[in-house]
């Protein structure tokens, strides 16, 4: 697990603090794997740097990716946890703010913690995986009930 990562169990899951310099996605997936959290939700705040966000271009079935050098406030980070290839997978979106208080938002790929990242992880007891959607070619949640 990431050196300096701390966490505590709380009534509805975990509070996790990622330290300065931690790679967000790798650190969270390592934590989820070690704690056997395979499905749930997460939300976070903090400060990040070297952020990579995306926008899904449906017509081309690909993510447009953009890197944002510098340090940003992590105003909002929300997403879900599911299983892909028997490992925890995070699908999250983030809203960042720069020094001019201008928002930047998109699908979250990765970042490095600039100061701290405080994450609330809410596991659920059911295990949900993902499967390829033929229309979008994305790995979407595989849910049991259809309307």
N, C-alpha and C. Protein backbone atom coordinates (compact mmCIF):
# COMPACT_ATOMS: atom_id res chain seq x y z
N UNK A 1 0.85 -1.18 0.00
CA UNK A 1 0.00 0.00 0.00
C UNK A 1 0.89 1.24 0.00
N UNK A 2 0.38 2.32 -0.56
CA UNK A 2 1.11 3.59 -0.66
C UNK A 2 1.66 4.01 0.70
N UNK A 3 2.96 4.33 0.73
CA UNK A 3 3.59 4.79 1.96
C UNK A 3 2.96 6.12 2.37
N UNK A 4 2.56 6.23 3.61
CA UNK A 4 1.95 7.46 4.12
C UNK A 4 0.44 7.48 4.02
N UNK A 5 -0.16 6.51 3.30
CA UNK A 5 -1.62 6.44 3.22
C UNK A 5 -2.13 6.03 4.59
N UNK A 6 -3.12 6.75 5.08
CA UNK A 6 -3.74 6.39 6.35
C UNK A 6 -5.23 6.23 6.12
N UNK A 7 -5.85 5.41 6.97
CA UNK A 7 -7.29 5.22 6.84
C UNK A 7 -7.88 4.80 8.17
N UNK A 8 -9.18 4.95 8.24
CA UNK A 8 -9.91 4.54 9.43
C UNK A 8 -11.28 4.04 9.00
N UNK A 9 -11.69 2.93 9.60
CA UNK A 9 -13.05 2.44 9.37
C UNK A 9 -14.02 3.39 10.07
N UNK A 10 -15.12 3.68 9.41
CA UNK A 10 -16.20 4.48 9.97
C UNK A 10 -17.50 3.71 9.75
N UNK A 11 -18.60 4.21 10.30
CA UNK A 11 -19.87 3.48 10.25
C UNK A 11 -20.25 3.01 8.85
N UNK A 12 -20.05 3.85 7.86
CA UNK A 12 -20.51 3.50 6.51
C UNK A 12 -19.36 3.23 5.54
N UNK A 13 -18.19 2.87 6.06
CA UNK A 13 -17.09 2.54 5.17
C UNK A 13 -15.74 2.91 5.72
N UNK A 14 -15.03 3.75 4.96
CA UNK A 14 -13.67 4.15 5.32
C UNK A 14 -13.46 5.63 5.02
N UNK A 15 -12.64 6.25 5.84
CA UNK A 15 -12.05 7.54 5.50
C UNK A 15 -10.59 7.25 5.19
N UNK A 16 -10.14 7.72 4.04
CA UNK A 16 -8.79 7.44 3.56
C UNK A 16 -8.11 8.76 3.27
N UNK A 17 -6.85 8.89 3.69
CA UNK A 17 -6.07 10.09 3.35
C UNK A 17 -4.86 9.67 2.54
N UNK A 18 -4.80 10.20 1.32
CA UNK A 18 -3.64 9.96 0.47
C UNK A 18 -2.63 11.08 0.72
N UNK A 19 -1.35 10.74 0.87
CA UNK A 19 -0.34 11.74 1.18
C UNK A 19 0.17 12.46 -0.08
N UNK A 20 0.83 13.56 0.16
CA UNK A 20 1.48 14.32 -0.91
C UNK A 20 2.38 13.37 -1.71
N UNK A 21 2.27 13.47 -3.04
CA UNK A 21 3.11 12.67 -3.92
C UNK A 21 2.49 11.35 -4.35
N UNK A 22 1.38 10.96 -3.75
CA UNK A 22 0.75 9.68 -4.09
C UNK A 22 0.10 9.75 -5.47
N UNK A 23 0.21 8.67 -6.22
CA UNK A 23 -0.51 8.52 -7.48
C UNK A 23 -1.94 8.09 -7.11
N UNK A 24 -2.91 8.91 -7.45
CA UNK A 24 -4.27 8.71 -6.96
C UNK A 24 -4.86 7.36 -7.35
N UNK A 25 -4.92 7.06 -8.62
CA UNK A 25 -5.60 5.84 -9.07
C UNK A 25 -4.92 4.58 -8.53
N UNK A 26 -3.62 4.50 -8.66
CA UNK A 26 -2.89 3.32 -8.17
C UNK A 26 -3.07 3.16 -6.66
N UNK A 27 -2.95 4.25 -5.92
CA UNK A 27 -3.08 4.19 -4.46
C UNK A 27 -4.46 3.72 -4.04
N UNK A 28 -5.49 4.27 -4.67
CA UNK A 28 -6.85 3.88 -4.30
C UNK A 28 -7.13 2.42 -4.66
N UNK A 29 -6.69 1.98 -5.82
CA UNK A 29 -6.92 0.59 -6.22
C UNK A 29 -6.17 -0.37 -5.29
N UNK A 30 -4.95 -0.03 -4.90
CA UNK A 30 -4.22 -0.87 -3.94
C UNK A 30 -4.97 -0.95 -2.61
N UNK A 31 -5.47 0.20 -2.13
CA UNK A 31 -6.22 0.21 -0.88
C UNK A 31 -7.47 -0.66 -1.00
N UNK A 32 -8.24 -0.47 -2.07
CA UNK A 32 -9.47 -1.24 -2.26
C UNK A 32 -9.19 -2.73 -2.32
N UNK A 33 -8.13 -3.11 -3.01
CA UNK A 33 -7.75 -4.52 -3.11
C UNK A 33 -7.40 -5.10 -1.74
N UNK A 34 -6.59 -4.38 -0.98
CA UNK A 34 -6.17 -4.88 0.33
C UNK A 34 -7.33 -4.98 1.31
N UNK A 35 -8.30 -4.08 1.19
CA UNK A 35 -9.46 -4.09 2.09
C UNK A 35 -10.62 -4.90 1.52
N UNK A 36 -10.44 -5.51 0.35
CA UNK A 36 -11.46 -6.34 -0.30
C UNK A 36 -12.75 -5.56 -0.56
N UNK A 37 -12.59 -4.33 -1.03
CA UNK A 37 -13.73 -3.50 -1.43
C UNK A 37 -13.82 -3.60 -2.95
N UNK A 38 -14.86 -4.28 -3.42
CA UNK A 38 -14.99 -4.53 -4.85
C UNK A 38 -16.15 -3.77 -5.50
N UNK A 39 -17.04 -3.24 -4.68
CA UNK A 39 -18.17 -2.48 -5.19
C UNK A 39 -18.51 -1.41 -4.16
N UNK A 40 -18.86 -0.22 -4.64
CA UNK A 40 -19.25 0.84 -3.74
C UNK A 40 -19.16 2.19 -4.42
N UNK A 41 -19.10 3.22 -3.60
CA UNK A 41 -18.97 4.58 -4.10
C UNK A 41 -17.84 5.28 -3.36
N UNK A 42 -17.34 6.35 -3.98
CA UNK A 42 -16.35 7.18 -3.30
C UNK A 42 -16.54 8.64 -3.68
N UNK A 43 -16.10 9.47 -2.75
CA UNK A 43 -16.10 10.91 -2.98
C UNK A 43 -14.91 11.48 -2.23
N UNK A 44 -14.41 12.63 -2.73
CA UNK A 44 -13.18 13.15 -2.13
C UNK A 44 -13.05 14.65 -2.36
N UNK A 45 -12.15 15.23 -1.56
CA UNK A 45 -11.70 16.61 -1.73
C UNK A 45 -10.19 16.62 -1.48
N UNK A 46 -9.54 17.73 -1.82
CA UNK A 46 -8.10 17.82 -1.57
C UNK A 46 -7.43 18.77 -2.52
N UNK A 47 -6.17 18.50 -2.83
CA UNK A 47 -5.40 19.30 -3.78
C UNK A 47 -4.55 18.34 -4.61
N UNK A 48 -4.63 18.50 -5.94
CA UNK A 48 -3.94 17.60 -6.86
C UNK A 48 -3.05 18.37 -7.82
N UNK A 49 -2.13 17.64 -8.43
CA UNK A 49 -1.29 18.22 -9.48
C UNK A 49 -1.14 17.22 -10.61
N UNK A 50 -0.68 17.71 -11.76
CA UNK A 50 -0.47 16.84 -12.92
C UNK A 50 -1.70 15.96 -13.17
N UNK A 51 -2.83 16.62 -13.32
CA UNK A 51 -4.12 15.93 -13.45
C UNK A 51 -4.38 15.57 -14.91
N UNK A 52 -4.94 14.39 -15.13
CA UNK A 52 -5.38 14.00 -16.47
C UNK A 52 -6.88 13.73 -16.42
N UNK A 53 -7.62 14.51 -17.23
CA UNK A 53 -9.07 14.36 -17.32
C UNK A 53 -9.45 13.97 -18.74
N UNK A 54 -10.69 13.56 -18.89
CA UNK A 54 -11.15 13.18 -20.21
C UNK A 54 -12.58 13.57 -20.47
N UNK A 55 -12.92 13.51 -21.75
CA UNK A 55 -14.29 13.74 -22.22
C UNK A 55 -14.56 12.64 -23.23
N UNK A 56 -15.66 11.90 -23.06
CA UNK A 56 -15.94 10.80 -23.97
C UNK A 56 -16.59 11.32 -25.24
N UNK A 57 -15.92 11.12 -26.35
CA UNK A 57 -16.41 11.50 -27.68
C UNK A 57 -17.21 10.31 -28.21
N UNK A 58 -18.53 10.39 -28.09
CA UNK A 58 -19.39 9.27 -28.45
C UNK A 58 -19.28 8.92 -29.93
N UNK A 59 -19.19 9.93 -30.78
CA UNK A 59 -19.14 9.67 -32.23
C UNK A 59 -17.92 8.83 -32.60
N UNK A 60 -16.80 9.07 -31.94
CA UNK A 60 -15.57 8.33 -32.24
C UNK A 60 -15.29 7.20 -31.24
N UNK A 61 -16.15 7.07 -30.24
CA UNK A 61 -16.03 6.02 -29.21
C UNK A 61 -14.66 6.01 -28.56
N UNK A 62 -14.21 7.20 -28.19
CA UNK A 62 -12.90 7.31 -27.54
C UNK A 62 -12.91 8.50 -26.59
N UNK A 63 -12.02 8.46 -25.62
CA UNK A 63 -11.87 9.58 -24.70
C UNK A 63 -10.90 10.60 -25.28
N UNK A 64 -11.29 11.85 -25.24
CA UNK A 64 -10.36 12.94 -25.51
C UNK A 64 -9.70 13.20 -24.16
N UNK A 65 -8.38 13.10 -24.11
CA UNK A 65 -7.65 13.25 -22.85
C UNK A 65 -6.90 14.57 -22.85
N UNK A 66 -6.85 15.17 -21.67
CA UNK A 66 -6.10 16.40 -21.53
C UNK A 66 -5.39 16.40 -20.19
N UNK A 67 -4.11 16.79 -20.21
CA UNK A 67 -3.33 16.92 -18.98
C UNK A 67 -3.33 18.37 -18.53
N UNK A 68 -3.40 18.54 -17.24
CA UNK A 68 -3.40 19.87 -16.63
C UNK A 68 -2.21 19.97 -15.67
N UNK A 69 -1.10 20.56 -16.13
CA UNK A 69 0.05 20.72 -15.23
C UNK A 69 -0.27 21.77 -14.17
N UNK A 70 0.42 21.73 -13.08
CA UNK A 70 0.18 22.69 -12.01
C UNK A 70 -0.63 22.08 -10.89
N UNK A 71 -0.96 22.93 -9.92
CA UNK A 71 -1.67 22.49 -8.71
C UNK A 71 -3.10 23.03 -8.75
N UNK A 72 -4.06 22.16 -8.36
CA UNK A 72 -5.48 22.50 -8.38
C UNK A 72 -6.14 22.06 -7.09
N UNK A 73 -7.15 22.83 -6.68
CA UNK A 73 -8.03 22.38 -5.61
C UNK A 73 -8.93 21.30 -6.18
N UNK A 74 -9.10 20.22 -5.46
CA UNK A 74 -10.06 19.19 -5.85
C UNK A 74 -11.37 19.56 -5.17
N UNK A 75 -12.23 20.20 -5.92
CA UNK A 75 -13.50 20.70 -5.39
C UNK A 75 -14.47 19.56 -5.16
N UNK A 76 -14.50 18.63 -6.11
CA UNK A 76 -15.41 17.50 -6.00
C UNK A 76 -14.86 16.32 -6.79
N UNK A 77 -14.96 15.15 -6.20
CA UNK A 77 -14.54 13.90 -6.84
C UNK A 77 -15.58 12.88 -6.44
N UNK A 78 -16.27 12.32 -7.42
CA UNK A 78 -17.27 11.31 -7.09
C UNK A 78 -17.22 10.20 -8.12
N UNK A 79 -17.49 8.99 -7.64
CA UNK A 79 -17.46 7.88 -8.56
C UNK A 79 -17.93 6.60 -7.91
N UNK A 80 -17.75 5.52 -8.68
CA UNK A 80 -18.14 4.22 -8.16
C UNK A 80 -17.01 3.22 -8.33
N UNK A 81 -17.16 2.12 -7.62
CA UNK A 81 -16.18 1.04 -7.62
C UNK A 81 -16.91 -0.21 -8.11
N UNK A 82 -16.29 -0.91 -9.03
CA UNK A 82 -16.84 -2.17 -9.52
C UNK A 82 -15.66 -3.08 -9.86
N UNK A 83 -15.98 -4.28 -10.34
CA UNK A 83 -14.93 -5.23 -10.70
C UNK A 83 -14.72 -5.27 -12.20
N UNK A 84 -13.46 -5.24 -12.60
CA UNK A 84 -13.06 -5.46 -13.99
C UNK A 84 -11.86 -6.40 -13.93
N UNK A 85 -11.97 -7.51 -14.62
CA UNK A 85 -10.90 -8.53 -14.62
C UNK A 85 -10.51 -8.93 -13.20
N UNK A 86 -11.52 -9.09 -12.36
CA UNK A 86 -11.37 -9.54 -10.97
C UNK A 86 -10.59 -8.57 -10.08
N UNK A 87 -10.49 -7.30 -10.49
CA UNK A 87 -9.81 -6.28 -9.69
C UNK A 87 -10.72 -5.07 -9.53
N UNK A 88 -10.57 -4.31 -8.43
CA UNK A 88 -11.37 -3.10 -8.28
C UNK A 88 -11.08 -2.11 -9.41
N UNK A 89 -12.13 -1.49 -9.90
CA UNK A 89 -12.04 -0.51 -10.97
C UNK A 89 -12.78 0.74 -10.51
N UNK A 90 -12.17 1.90 -10.72
CA UNK A 90 -12.78 3.17 -10.31
C UNK A 90 -13.24 3.93 -11.54
N UNK A 91 -14.50 4.31 -11.53
CA UNK A 91 -15.04 5.22 -12.55
C UNK A 91 -15.43 6.49 -11.81
N UNK A 92 -14.70 7.58 -12.07
CA UNK A 92 -14.93 8.82 -11.32
C UNK A 92 -14.85 10.05 -12.21
N UNK A 93 -15.49 11.10 -11.76
CA UNK A 93 -15.41 12.41 -12.39
C UNK A 93 -14.91 13.38 -11.34
N UNK A 94 -14.25 14.45 -11.81
CA UNK A 94 -13.68 15.42 -10.88
C UNK A 94 -13.95 16.84 -11.35
N UNK A 95 -14.12 17.72 -10.38
CA UNK A 95 -14.17 19.16 -10.63
C UNK A 95 -13.00 19.75 -9.88
N UNK A 96 -12.17 20.50 -10.62
CA UNK A 96 -10.99 21.15 -10.06
C UNK A 96 -11.15 22.64 -10.15
N UNK A 97 -10.36 23.37 -9.37
CA UNK A 97 -10.36 24.83 -9.44
C UNK A 97 -8.91 25.30 -9.48
N UNK A 98 -8.64 26.27 -10.38
CA UNK A 98 -7.29 26.82 -10.45
C UNK A 98 -7.17 28.07 -9.57
N UNK A 99 -6.03 28.73 -9.63
CA UNK A 99 -5.78 29.90 -8.79
C UNK A 99 -6.70 31.07 -9.11
N UNK A 100 -7.32 31.06 -10.28
CA UNK A 100 -8.29 32.10 -10.65
C UNK A 100 -9.71 31.69 -10.32
N UNK A 101 -9.87 30.59 -9.59
CA UNK A 101 -11.18 30.05 -9.20
C UNK A 101 -12.00 29.61 -10.40
N UNK A 102 -11.33 29.25 -11.49
CA UNK A 102 -11.99 28.76 -12.68
C UNK A 102 -12.12 27.24 -12.60
N UNK A 103 -13.32 26.72 -12.86
CA UNK A 103 -13.50 25.28 -12.78
C UNK A 103 -12.98 24.54 -14.01
N UNK A 104 -12.50 23.34 -13.77
CA UNK A 104 -12.08 22.40 -14.81
C UNK A 104 -12.71 21.08 -14.39
N UNK A 105 -13.34 20.40 -15.33
CA UNK A 105 -14.03 19.17 -14.94
C UNK A 105 -13.96 18.13 -16.04
N UNK A 106 -14.14 16.88 -15.64
CA UNK A 106 -14.19 15.80 -16.61
C UNK A 106 -14.06 14.44 -15.97
N UNK A 107 -13.99 13.44 -16.84
CA UNK A 107 -13.75 12.07 -16.41
C UNK A 107 -12.34 12.02 -15.82
N UNK A 108 -12.21 11.43 -14.65
CA UNK A 108 -10.91 11.39 -13.96
C UNK A 108 -10.12 10.17 -14.39
N UNK A 109 -8.92 10.42 -14.93
CA UNK A 109 -7.99 9.33 -15.25
C UNK A 109 -6.96 9.16 -14.14
N UNK A 110 -6.23 10.24 -13.81
CA UNK A 110 -5.22 10.12 -12.77
C UNK A 110 -4.69 11.49 -12.39
N UNK A 111 -3.94 11.54 -11.30
CA UNK A 111 -3.29 12.75 -10.81
C UNK A 111 -2.32 12.34 -9.72
N UNK A 112 -1.54 13.30 -9.30
CA UNK A 112 -0.65 13.14 -8.14
C UNK A 112 -1.18 14.05 -7.05
N UNK A 113 -1.15 13.58 -5.82
CA UNK A 113 -1.61 14.40 -4.70
C UNK A 113 -0.61 15.52 -4.47
N UNK A 114 -1.11 16.77 -4.46
CA UNK A 114 -0.25 17.94 -4.25
C UNK A 114 -0.10 18.27 -2.76
N UNK A 115 -1.15 18.10 -2.00
CA UNK A 115 -1.12 18.38 -0.56
C UNK A 115 -1.70 17.19 0.20
N UNK A 116 -2.97 16.91 -0.06
CA UNK A 116 -3.67 15.77 0.54
C UNK A 116 -4.87 15.46 -0.33
N UNK A 117 -5.37 14.25 -0.19
CA UNK A 117 -6.65 13.88 -0.78
C UNK A 117 -7.38 13.07 0.26
N UNK A 118 -8.54 13.55 0.65
CA UNK A 118 -9.34 12.90 1.69
C UNK A 118 -10.54 12.25 1.01
N UNK A 119 -10.62 10.94 1.16
CA UNK A 119 -11.58 10.13 0.41
C UNK A 119 -12.52 9.40 1.36
N UNK A 120 -13.80 9.44 1.05
CA UNK A 120 -14.78 8.64 1.76
C UNK A 120 -15.17 7.49 0.85
N UNK A 121 -14.89 6.27 1.28
CA UNK A 121 -15.22 5.06 0.53
C UNK A 121 -16.41 4.39 1.21
N UNK A 122 -17.47 4.16 0.43
CA UNK A 122 -18.67 3.50 0.94
C UNK A 122 -18.86 2.18 0.22
N UNK A 123 -18.43 1.07 0.82
CA UNK A 123 -18.60 -0.24 0.18
C UNK A 123 -20.06 -0.68 0.22
N UNK A 124 -20.41 -1.56 -0.69
CA UNK A 124 -21.69 -2.25 -0.63
C UNK A 124 -21.42 -3.75 -0.63
N UNK A 125 -22.36 -4.53 -0.14
CA UNK A 125 -22.11 -5.97 0.02
C UNK A 125 -22.21 -6.74 -1.30
N UNK A 126 -23.00 -6.28 -2.24
CA UNK A 126 -23.10 -6.96 -3.52
C UNK A 126 -21.86 -6.67 -4.36
N UNK A 127 -21.48 -7.63 -5.19
CA UNK A 127 -20.37 -7.42 -6.09
C UNK A 127 -20.93 -7.16 -7.49
N UNK A 128 -20.55 -6.05 -8.06
CA UNK A 128 -21.01 -5.65 -9.39
C UNK A 128 -19.79 -5.58 -10.30
N UNK A 129 -19.91 -6.16 -11.47
CA UNK A 129 -18.82 -6.09 -12.44
C UNK A 129 -19.25 -5.21 -13.62
N UNK A 130 -18.39 -5.13 -14.61
CA UNK A 130 -18.67 -4.35 -15.82
C UNK A 130 -18.57 -5.26 -17.03
N UNK A 131 -19.26 -4.86 -18.08
CA UNK A 131 -19.19 -5.59 -19.34
C UNK A 131 -19.18 -4.58 -20.49
N UNK A 132 -18.62 -5.01 -21.60
CA UNK A 132 -18.54 -4.13 -22.77
C UNK A 132 -19.93 -3.88 -23.33
N UNK A 133 -20.26 -2.62 -23.51
CA UNK A 133 -21.49 -2.22 -24.16
C UNK A 133 -21.21 -2.13 -25.66
N UNK A 134 -21.92 -2.89 -26.50
CA UNK A 134 -21.60 -2.90 -27.93
C UNK A 134 -21.79 -1.55 -28.62
N UNK A 135 -22.71 -0.75 -28.13
CA UNK A 135 -22.96 0.54 -28.77
C UNK A 135 -21.84 1.55 -28.54
N UNK A 136 -21.40 1.66 -27.28
CA UNK A 136 -20.39 2.67 -26.94
C UNK A 136 -18.97 2.12 -26.88
N UNK A 137 -18.88 0.80 -26.73
CA UNK A 137 -17.61 0.10 -26.54
C UNK A 137 -16.97 0.42 -25.19
N UNK A 138 -17.77 0.91 -24.26
CA UNK A 138 -17.31 1.18 -22.90
C UNK A 138 -17.65 0.01 -22.00
N UNK A 139 -16.89 -0.16 -20.92
CA UNK A 139 -17.21 -1.16 -19.91
C UNK A 139 -18.22 -0.52 -18.96
N UNK A 140 -19.47 -0.92 -19.08
CA UNK A 140 -20.55 -0.36 -18.26
C UNK A 140 -20.94 -1.33 -17.16
N UNK A 141 -21.57 -0.80 -16.10
CA UNK A 141 -22.00 -1.65 -14.99
C UNK A 141 -22.93 -2.75 -15.49
N UNK A 142 -22.69 -3.95 -15.03
CA UNK A 142 -23.53 -5.10 -15.37
C UNK A 142 -24.50 -5.28 -14.21
N UNK A 143 -25.70 -4.78 -14.41
CA UNK A 143 -26.72 -4.82 -13.35
C UNK A 143 -27.77 -5.88 -13.67
N UNK A 144 -28.38 -6.42 -12.64
CA UNK A 144 -29.23 -7.60 -12.79
C UNK A 144 -30.64 -7.32 -13.33
N UNK A 145 -31.21 -6.20 -12.97
CA UNK A 145 -32.61 -5.98 -13.29
C UNK A 145 -32.80 -5.05 -14.48
N UNK A 146 -33.72 -5.41 -15.33
CA UNK A 146 -34.10 -4.59 -16.48
C UNK A 146 -35.53 -4.14 -16.31
N UNK A 147 -35.85 -2.98 -16.81
CA UNK A 147 -37.24 -2.51 -16.82
C UNK A 147 -37.84 -2.77 -18.17
